[in-house]
Amino acid sequence: MSSLRVESIYDLKDRVALVTGGGTGIGWMIARGLATNGAKVYITGRRKDVLETAVASFEKGEGKGEIIPLEMDVTNRDSISNAQKEIQTREGRLHILVNNAGQVGPISKFFNDLSAPEHQSAETLGRALFNNESFEQWSSLYAINSSSIFFVTTAFLGLLAKGSEDRAGYNSSVVNITSISGYMKLAQNHFAYNSSKAAAAHLTRMMSTEFVLKKIPVRVNGVAPGVYESDMTAERLARGDINNIALGIQPVPAGRAGSAEEMVGTVIYLASQAGGYTNGQEIIIDGGFLALNPSTV
């Protein structure tokens, strides 16, 4: 019966994790949650000072793991390779990879304002969208929101497979943090962001299937958050402006942003033995938002 206790099912002791974009927002929520429950967590980002500040704020204690800063640019192959070599040297394996790094732009704020002059005609609207965004902005956004998932995961795949050897019946876990925007049929003022997150969601499913077919013992799942506090949302959430973040036809049914506990609990389920039979899935945690708004689910 002891194997059914929470401490056993969700045990992260001696697990080695890496969280990209782990110094702020959702990434920091996840990193703290994993470490608080016993994991050794490497957090990555381009700004070393941000990572070190985050680590300094983590309260160590009995039963907790630790958090270690590791510089890595998820859009640069050399930087990813250097980080992989660092984990290889220090740990020799990896059990949990959370692909969390992401950005939001470009935004066409006039798009949902039907009184804006850009809406005079199809010509003015089309031209405004064409002139307001660039191929360079789209390429940059796709690089961090979707392409990085491919390059980071493949770079660490050998270490993840090695981590699967530690416990019988346990396969290492990749958790991709996508977004409900990848399922929305509305652009929410940012066509590029929503389509890049849809790409990340499909990449999650493809990797899961292909790894199974190639007999690679690594599970791949996703978490699609609704509104949570992050660098992108903190200022508006402080003003109580949740529905101008979600930008749906109907407001968020829960009437609030998601909590760190809800985010961390979902990721720990996927990363631990509790989620050991879950593969190729994406869990939507959005307070019911997609249930009331036009989406593909």
Protein backbone atom coordinates (compact mmCIF):
# COMPACT_ATOMS: atom_id res chain seq x y z
CA MET A 1 0.00 0.00 0.00
CA SER A 2 2.95 2.34 0.62
CA SER A 3 3.51 2.60 -3.16
CA LEU A 4 0.17 4.44 -3.40
CA ARG A 5 1.14 7.17 -0.98
CA VAL A 6 1.52 10.65 -2.44
CA GLU A 7 5.15 10.73 -1.32
CA SER A 8 5.84 7.70 -3.51
CA ILE A 9 3.66 8.47 -6.54
CA TYR A 10 4.98 12.02 -6.92
CA ASP A 11 8.51 11.36 -5.65
CA LEU A 12 11.13 13.62 -7.27
CA LYS A 13 14.02 12.85 -4.94
CA ASP A 14 17.29 12.39 -6.84
CA ARG A 15 15.63 13.50 -10.10
CA VAL A 16 17.70 15.89 -12.24
CA ALA A 17 15.67 18.51 -14.09
CA LEU A 18 16.32 21.35 -16.51
CA VAL A 19 13.85 24.22 -17.00
CA THR A 20 14.41 26.65 -19.86
CA GLY A 21 13.40 30.23 -19.17
CA GLY A 22 13.49 29.16 -15.56
CA GLY A 23 14.42 32.44 -13.90
CA THR A 24 11.07 34.22 -14.13
CA GLY A 25 7.32 33.71 -14.51
CA ILE A 26 5.94 30.25 -15.18
CA GLY A 27 9.44 28.79 -15.53
CA TRP A 28 10.36 29.94 -12.04
CA MET A 29 7.08 28.57 -10.64
CA ILE A 30 7.94 25.18 -12.11
CA ALA A 31 11.60 25.26 -11.03
CA ARG A 32 10.66 26.10 -7.44
CA GLY A 33 7.99 23.42 -7.42
CA LEU A 34 10.30 20.71 -8.67
CA ALA A 35 13.09 21.68 -6.26
CA THR A 36 10.74 22.03 -3.29
CA ASN A 37 9.73 18.43 -3.89
CA GLY A 38 13.27 17.08 -4.00
CA ALA A 39 14.60 17.54 -7.53
CA LYS A 40 17.93 19.03 -8.50
CA VAL A 41 16.92 21.73 -10.97
CA TYR A 42 19.03 23.60 -13.50
CA ILE A 43 17.38 26.80 -14.66
CA THR A 44 18.50 28.32 -17.94
CA GLY A 45 18.23 31.70 -19.62
CA ARG A 46 20.31 34.29 -21.43
CA ARG A 47 20.57 36.67 -18.46
CA LYS A 48 22.85 35.18 -15.83
CA ASP A 49 22.03 37.91 -13.29
CA VAL A 50 18.32 37.07 -13.47
CA LEU A 51 19.06 33.38 -12.90
CA GLU A 52 21.36 34.09 -9.96
CA THR A 53 18.83 36.44 -8.35
CA ALA A 54 16.15 33.76 -8.63
CA VAL A 55 18.40 31.08 -7.14
CA ALA A 56 19.33 33.36 -4.23
CA SER A 57 15.64 33.72 -3.37
CA PHE A 58 15.04 29.97 -3.10
CA GLU A 59 14.72 28.86 0.50
CA LYS A 60 16.58 25.63 1.02
CA GLY A 61 15.36 23.15 3.60
CA GLU A 62 15.17 19.55 4.68
CA GLY A 63 13.81 17.29 1.97
CA LYS A 64 14.23 19.94 -0.69
CA GLY A 65 16.41 19.73 -3.74
CA GLU A 66 18.43 22.61 -5.15
CA ILE A 67 18.33 25.11 -8.01
CA ILE A 68 21.41 25.84 -10.11
CA PRO A 69 21.76 28.64 -12.69
CA LEU A 70 23.02 27.68 -16.14
CA GLU A 71 23.34 30.17 -18.98
CA MET A 72 21.79 28.93 -22.21
CA ASP A 73 20.25 30.64 -25.23
CA VAL A 74 17.61 28.24 -26.56
CA THR A 75 17.86 29.80 -30.03
CA ASN A 76 21.60 29.17 -30.37
CA ARG A 77 22.91 25.68 -31.14
CA ASP A 78 26.38 26.34 -29.71
CA SER A 79 24.87 27.60 -26.46
CA ILE A 80 22.59 24.56 -26.22
CA SER A 81 25.53 22.22 -26.89
CA ASN A 82 27.62 23.89 -24.19
CA ALA A 83 24.82 23.49 -21.66
CA GLN A 84 24.36 19.85 -22.65
CA LYS A 85 28.07 19.20 -22.10
CA GLU A 86 27.82 20.86 -18.69
CA ILE A 87 24.96 18.57 -17.62
CA GLN A 88 26.77 15.59 -19.10
CA THR A 89 29.87 16.36 -17.04
CA ARG A 90 28.06 17.18 -13.80
CA GLU A 91 25.23 14.63 -13.84
CA GLY A 92 25.67 12.16 -16.67
CA ARG A 93 21.89 11.96 -17.07
CA LEU A 94 18.69 13.98 -17.08
CA HIS A 95 15.23 12.93 -15.89
CA ILE A 96 13.05 15.97 -16.54
CA LEU A 97 13.25 18.58 -19.30
CA VAL A 98 10.77 21.46 -19.22
CA ASN A 99 10.79 23.50 -22.43
CA ASN A 100 9.31 26.71 -21.08
CA ALA A 101 11.20 29.57 -22.77
CA GLY A 102 8.94 31.79 -24.87
CA GLN A 103 8.03 35.29 -26.00
CA VAL A 104 4.90 37.04 -27.22
CA GLY A 105 5.36 39.60 -30.07
CA PRO A 106 4.66 40.96 -32.69
CA ILE A 107 1.29 42.43 -31.73
CA SER A 108 -1.17 44.34 -33.93
CA LYS A 109 -3.15 46.12 -31.22
CA PHE A 110 -5.55 47.73 -33.68
CA PHE A 111 -6.81 44.37 -34.94
CA ASN A 112 -9.60 43.92 -32.35
CA ASP A 113 -10.51 47.62 -32.20
CA LEU A 114 -13.19 47.84 -34.89
CA SER A 115 -13.33 51.64 -34.51
CA ALA A 116 -9.66 51.98 -35.47
CA PRO A 117 -8.99 53.61 -38.87
CA GLU A 118 -7.25 50.43 -40.01
CA HIS A 119 -10.71 48.84 -40.30
CA GLN A 120 -12.02 51.17 -43.00
CA SER A 121 -11.76 48.41 -45.60
CA ALA A 122 -10.12 45.10 -46.39
CA GLU A 123 -7.38 47.04 -48.12
CA THR A 124 -6.59 49.25 -45.11
CA LEU A 125 -6.73 46.32 -42.68
CA GLY A 126 -4.60 44.05 -44.80
CA ARG A 127 -2.06 46.78 -45.46
CA ALA A 128 -1.90 47.66 -41.73
CA LEU A 129 -1.18 44.05 -40.78
CA PHE A 130 1.35 43.73 -43.59
CA ASN A 131 3.22 46.88 -42.55
CA ASN A 132 3.02 46.36 -38.78
CA GLU A 133 4.85 43.01 -38.71
CA SER A 134 7.93 41.58 -40.39
CA PHE A 135 9.34 38.26 -41.50
CA GLU A 136 12.22 38.84 -39.06
CA GLN A 137 9.82 39.21 -36.12
CA TRP A 138 7.95 36.05 -37.08
CA SER A 139 11.15 34.08 -37.56
CA SER A 140 12.53 35.23 -34.22
CA LEU A 141 9.32 34.32 -32.41
CA TYR A 142 9.09 30.88 -33.99
CA ALA A 143 12.73 30.27 -33.08
CA ILE A 144 12.07 30.63 -29.36
CA ASN A 145 8.46 29.38 -29.13
CA SER A 146 8.68 26.27 -31.30
CA SER A 147 12.05 25.62 -32.97
CA SER A 148 13.83 25.74 -29.60
CA ILE A 149 11.75 22.79 -28.39
CA PHE A 150 13.15 20.67 -31.20
CA PHE A 151 16.78 21.68 -30.74
CA VAL A 152 16.87 21.58 -26.93
CA THR A 153 15.06 18.24 -26.74
CA THR A 154 17.23 16.56 -29.36
CA ALA A 155 20.42 17.90 -27.75
CA PHE A 156 19.46 16.38 -24.39
CA LEU A 157 17.78 13.24 -25.72
CA GLY A 158 20.72 10.94 -24.94
CA LEU A 159 20.92 12.19 -21.37
CA LEU A 160 17.15 11.78 -20.97
CA ALA A 161 17.34 8.21 -22.23
CA LYS A 162 20.14 7.58 -19.74
CA GLY A 163 17.92 8.92 -16.97
CA SER A 164 15.29 6.33 -17.85
CA GLU A 165 17.66 3.60 -16.69
CA ASP A 166 17.54 4.70 -13.03
CA ARG A 167 14.16 3.32 -12.01
CA ALA A 168 12.28 0.31 -13.33
CA GLY A 169 9.11 1.39 -15.11
CA TYR A 170 10.10 5.06 -15.14
CA ASN A 171 10.84 6.90 -18.37
CA SER A 172 12.33 10.38 -18.37
CA SER A 173 9.90 13.15 -19.17
CA VAL A 174 9.85 16.13 -21.52
CA VAL A 175 7.19 18.71 -20.68
CA ASN A 176 6.60 21.44 -23.24
CA ILE A 177 4.89 24.58 -21.96
CA THR A 178 2.71 25.75 -24.84
CA SER A 179 -0.41 27.92 -24.51
CA ILE A 180 -4.16 27.88 -24.96
CA SER A 181 -3.47 30.45 -27.68
CA GLY A 182 -2.25 27.55 -29.81
CA TYR A 183 -5.80 26.18 -29.73
CA MET A 184 -7.67 29.46 -30.16
CA LYS A 185 -9.37 30.18 -33.49
CA LEU A 186 -9.07 33.87 -32.63
CA ALA A 187 -5.80 35.68 -33.31
CA GLN A 188 -6.00 37.64 -30.02
CA ASN A 189 -4.05 40.48 -31.73
CA HIS A 190 -1.05 38.22 -32.39
CA PHE A 191 -1.23 35.80 -35.31
CA ALA A 192 2.46 34.92 -34.96
CA TYR A 193 2.30 33.97 -31.28
CA ASN A 194 -0.81 31.82 -31.61
CA SER A 195 0.45 29.97 -34.66
CA SER A 196 3.88 29.42 -33.05
CA LYS A 197 2.21 27.86 -30.02
CA ALA A 198 0.08 25.65 -32.26
CA ALA A 199 3.32 24.51 -33.89
CA ALA A 200 4.77 23.74 -30.44
CA ALA A 201 1.71 21.65 -29.58
CA HIS A 202 1.97 19.61 -32.77
CA LEU A 203 5.72 19.21 -32.32
CA THR A 204 4.96 17.72 -28.90
CA ARG A 205 2.73 15.08 -30.47
CA MET A 206 5.18 14.30 -33.27
CA MET A 207 8.12 13.86 -30.91
CA SER A 208 6.13 11.58 -28.64
CA THR A 209 5.09 9.34 -31.53
CA GLU A 210 8.49 9.25 -33.19
CA PHE A 211 10.35 8.49 -29.96
CA VAL A 212 8.02 5.55 -29.31
CA LEU A 213 8.48 4.26 -32.86
CA LYS A 214 12.27 4.59 -32.53
CA LYS A 215 12.17 2.83 -29.12
CA ILE A 216 13.59 5.84 -27.27
CA PRO A 217 12.46 5.62 -23.62
CA VAL A 218 11.50 9.28 -23.21
CA ARG A 219 7.93 10.52 -22.77
CA VAL A 220 6.86 13.85 -24.29
CA ASN A 221 3.81 15.76 -23.10
CA GLY A 222 2.65 19.35 -23.00
CA VAL A 223 0.93 21.80 -20.70
CA ALA A 224 -1.17 24.55 -22.28
CA PRO A 225 -1.69 27.30 -19.70
CA GLY A 226 -4.32 29.99 -19.81
CA VAL A 227 -3.63 33.21 -17.91
CA TYR A 228 -0.82 32.86 -15.36
CA GLU A 229 1.50 35.49 -13.94
CA SER A 230 4.62 35.98 -16.06
CA ASP A 231 6.76 38.76 -17.47
CA MET A 232 4.15 39.15 -20.20
CA THR A 233 1.13 39.41 -17.88
CA ALA A 234 2.29 40.66 -14.46
CA GLU A 235 1.56 44.36 -15.01
CA ARG A 236 -1.97 43.78 -16.33
CA LEU A 237 -2.77 41.20 -13.66
CA ALA A 238 -1.75 43.74 -11.02
CA ARG A 239 -4.48 45.99 -12.46
CA GLY A 240 -7.01 43.16 -12.38
CA ASP A 241 -7.09 43.19 -16.18
CA ILE A 242 -7.41 39.44 -16.73
CA ASN A 243 -9.91 39.52 -19.60
CA ASN A 244 -7.77 41.92 -21.63
CA ILE A 245 -5.03 39.31 -21.43
CA ALA A 246 -7.20 36.37 -22.46
CA LEU A 247 -8.89 38.34 -25.28
CA GLY A 248 -11.75 35.95 -25.90
CA ILE A 249 -15.40 36.36 -26.78
CA GLN A 250 -16.26 35.18 -23.28
CA PRO A 251 -14.26 35.99 -20.12
CA VAL A 252 -12.30 33.43 -18.12
CA PRO A 253 -14.99 31.41 -16.26
CA ALA A 254 -12.81 31.00 -13.16
CA GLY A 255 -12.60 34.79 -12.89
CA ARG A 256 -8.92 34.72 -11.92
CA ALA A 257 -5.46 33.81 -13.09
CA GLY A 258 -4.10 30.33 -12.49
CA SER A 259 -1.96 29.72 -9.42
CA ALA A 260 1.57 28.45 -8.99
CA GLU A 261 0.16 25.39 -7.21
CA GLU A 262 -2.01 24.52 -10.21
CA MET A 263 0.87 24.92 -12.65
CA VAL A 264 3.38 23.01 -10.53
CA GLY A 265 0.95 20.22 -9.71
CA THR A 266 0.30 19.58 -13.39
CA VAL A 267 3.99 19.50 -14.31
CA ILE A 268 4.89 17.27 -11.37
CA TYR A 269 2.18 14.82 -12.43
CA LEU A 270 3.71 14.57 -15.92
CA ALA A 271 7.31 14.46 -14.64
CA SER A 272 6.81 11.88 -11.87
CA GLN A 273 5.80 8.24 -11.69
CA ALA A 274 2.19 9.41 -11.40
CA GLY A 275 2.27 10.35 -15.08
CA GLY A 276 4.37 7.40 -16.17
CA TYR A 277 1.58 6.05 -18.42
CA THR A 278 0.92 9.45 -20.03
CA ASN A 279 2.60 10.13 -23.36
CA GLY A 280 1.83 12.42 -26.30
CA GLN A 281 -0.81 14.39 -24.41
CA GLU A 282 -1.33 18.06 -23.70
CA ILE A 283 -3.10 19.14 -20.53
CA ILE A 284 -5.02 22.40 -20.79
CA ILE A 285 -5.16 24.41 -17.56
CA ASP A 286 -7.12 27.57 -18.32
CA GLY A 287 -9.95 28.01 -15.83
CA GLY A 288 -12.45 26.84 -18.46
CA PHE A 289 -11.55 29.50 -21.05
CA LEU A 290 -11.46 27.20 -24.09
CA ALA A 291 -14.76 25.66 -23.06
CA LEU A 292 -16.50 28.96 -23.89
CA ASN A 293 -14.37 30.39 -26.70
CA PRO A 294 -13.75 29.36 -30.32
CA SER A 295 -11.01 26.73 -30.29
CA THR A 296 -9.85 23.56 -31.98
CA VAL A 297 -10.63 21.42 -28.91
